[in-house]
């Protein structure tokens, strides 16, 4: 995901991020785990 955010402008626009604010892969993984822990991932999809 981190690489995709760097490479794809539309993904950055969708997520509201710019090149200076892209989270690293650990941050993305921690966020995913929090979503799963609190059973929020299904609601987003």
C-alpha atoms as a PDB file:
ATOM      1  CA  UNK A   1       0.000   0.000   0.000  1.00  0.00           C
ATOM      2  CA  UNK A   2       2.819   2.380   0.822  1.00  0.00           C
ATOM      3  CA  UNK A   3       4.360   1.902  -2.618  1.00  0.00           C
ATOM      4  CA  UNK A   4       0.983   2.263  -4.323  1.00  0.00           C
ATOM      5  CA  UNK A   5       0.409   5.582  -2.547  1.00  0.00           C
ATOM      6  CA  UNK A   6       3.774   6.856  -3.758  1.00  0.00           C
ATOM      7  CA  UNK A   7       3.162   5.706  -7.333  1.00  0.00           C
ATOM      8  CA  UNK A   8      -0.540   6.431  -7.871  1.00  0.00           C
ATOM      9  CA  UNK A   9      -1.872   9.970  -7.737  1.00  0.00           C
ATOM     10  CA  UNK A  10      -5.525   8.906  -7.655  1.00  0.00           C
ATOM     11  CA  UNK A  11      -4.957   6.790  -4.516  1.00  0.00           C
ATOM     12  CA  UNK A  12      -3.330   9.761  -2.760  1.00  0.00           C
ATOM     13  CA  UNK A  13      -6.229  11.992  -3.760  1.00  0.00           C
ATOM     14  CA  UNK A  14      -8.782   9.423  -2.575  1.00  0.00           C
ATOM     15  CA  UNK A  15      -7.033   9.005   0.778  1.00  0.00           C
ATOM     16  CA  UNK A  16      -6.410  12.734   1.203  1.00  0.00           C
ATOM     17  CA  UNK A  17      -2.654  12.258   1.473  1.00  0.00           C
ATOM     18  CA  UNK A  18       0.207  13.998  -0.263  1.00  0.00           C
ATOM     19  CA  UNK A  19       3.782  12.843  -0.820  1.00  0.00           C
ATOM     20  CA  UNK A  20       4.915  14.422   2.473  1.00  0.00           C
ATOM     21  CA  UNK A  21       2.285  12.554   4.553  1.00  0.00           C
ATOM     22  CA  UNK A  22       2.321   8.961   3.288  1.00  0.00           C
ATOM     23  CA  UNK A  23       2.415   6.539   6.233  1.00  0.00           C
ATOM     24  CA  UNK A  24       5.015   3.792   6.302  1.00  0.00           C
ATOM     25  CA  UNK A  25       4.054   0.139   6.014  1.00  0.00           C
ATOM     26  CA  UNK A  26       4.158  -0.412   9.795  1.00  0.00           C
ATOM     27  CA  UNK A  27       1.653   2.379  10.380  1.00  0.00           C
ATOM     28  CA  UNK A  28      -0.638   0.988   7.671  1.00  0.00           C
ATOM     29  CA  UNK A  29      -0.406  -2.507   9.191  1.00  0.00           C
ATOM     30  CA  UNK A  30      -1.132  -1.205  12.705  1.00  0.00           C
ATOM     31  CA  UNK A  31      -4.185   0.641  11.389  1.00  0.00           C
ATOM     32  CA  UNK A  32      -5.416  -2.501   9.651  1.00  0.00           C
ATOM     33  CA  UNK A  33      -4.985  -4.533  12.837  1.00  0.00           C
ATOM     34  CA  UNK A  34      -6.947  -1.957  14.838  1.00  0.00           C
ATOM     35  CA  UNK A  35      -9.774  -2.117  12.310  1.00  0.00           C
ATOM     36  CA  UNK A  36      -9.833  -5.903  12.531  1.00  0.00           C
ATOM     37  CA  UNK A  37      -9.581  -5.932  16.336  1.00  0.00           C
ATOM     38  CA  UNK A  38     -12.603  -3.664  16.675  1.00  0.00           C
ATOM     39  CA  UNK A  39     -14.431  -5.406  13.804  1.00  0.00           C
ATOM     40  CA  UNK A  40     -14.630  -2.232  11.711  1.00  0.00           C
ATOM     41  CA  UNK A  41     -13.043  -3.507   8.488  1.00  0.00           C
ATOM     42  CA  UNK A  42     -16.254  -5.096   7.162  1.00  0.00           C
ATOM     43  CA  UNK A  43     -18.175  -1.863   7.723  1.00  0.00           C
ATOM     44  CA  UNK A  44     -15.713   0.102   5.619  1.00  0.00           C
ATOM     45  CA  UNK A  45     -15.898  -2.334   2.738  1.00  0.00           C
END
